[in-house]
Amino acid sequence: MKFFEVFELDIDKTLADLYQDVEVERVVASRSRNEVKVYLQSRRIISYKNIKRMEQQIKRQLFGRSRNTVAIYDNYSLSAQYTPEKLFTIIRDSLLEELKSRSIIEFNVLNTAEVRFEDNKMFLKLKDSFLVQNVLSELKKFLEDIFVGRFNMQVHVNFELIEVTEEELEDHIIDWDDL
C-alpha cells in the first residue's frame, strides 16, 4: 500500500512529496516494547533527516504523548545506473548524519577518510590511531549493512591505515600550562 493510504498525516508539502510514491511493506507493533516499526520500499532515496522527521510526525500525530516509539526501516529499489560509488556520493551526508546520532567517533572517522571504490569494494584511507582502530569493526558493519539492507548491494568495506608522523602527533599535544 502507498504510504498515505496507511498513514493519514498532516505534513508539509516537501515531506509529503518525498513519501508520495513510497510503499509500506508492513507495520509491526510491539505492545511489550511500545514500539511501532514501519518497513518502507522506495524508488527514491530519502535522507536520514527526512526519515527522522517522518518518524516524529507519525509519533506526534498518531500516538501523541504516549511512550510509543516509531522506527522507519527504509529499503530502496534503485535502477542499475547506481554503482556503489555513485550511491555513496549521493548518500554520504545522510550517512554522516546517521553516524553522528549514534557515535561521534565513527562520524569523525568516516568524515575524515579518503574514500575510493573498486567495483564492489570500498576503501577508506585513514590515519591510524587507537580511537580509529576501536571503531573499525563497527563502522565496517554499519556501512556494509546499509549497502545490503537498504540498497541490496553487496559492498565490502576495507581500511587502509596510514601511520601518523611524529610531527602530526606533536601538533595534537596539549600543554596543560597553556590552558
Foldseek 3Di string as FASTA:
>chain_A
DQPCVVPVFDDDPVLCVVRGRKDWPDWDADPVVLEIETEIEEADDDALVSQVVVQVRCCCPPVNPDPHGYHYFAAYDYDPVDFVVNVCVVHVVSVLVVCVVPPVLLSVQSVPWDWDDDGQEIETEEEDDPSCVVCVVVSQCVVQCCCCRHYVGHHGYYYHYDYDDPVNVVVPDDDPVVD
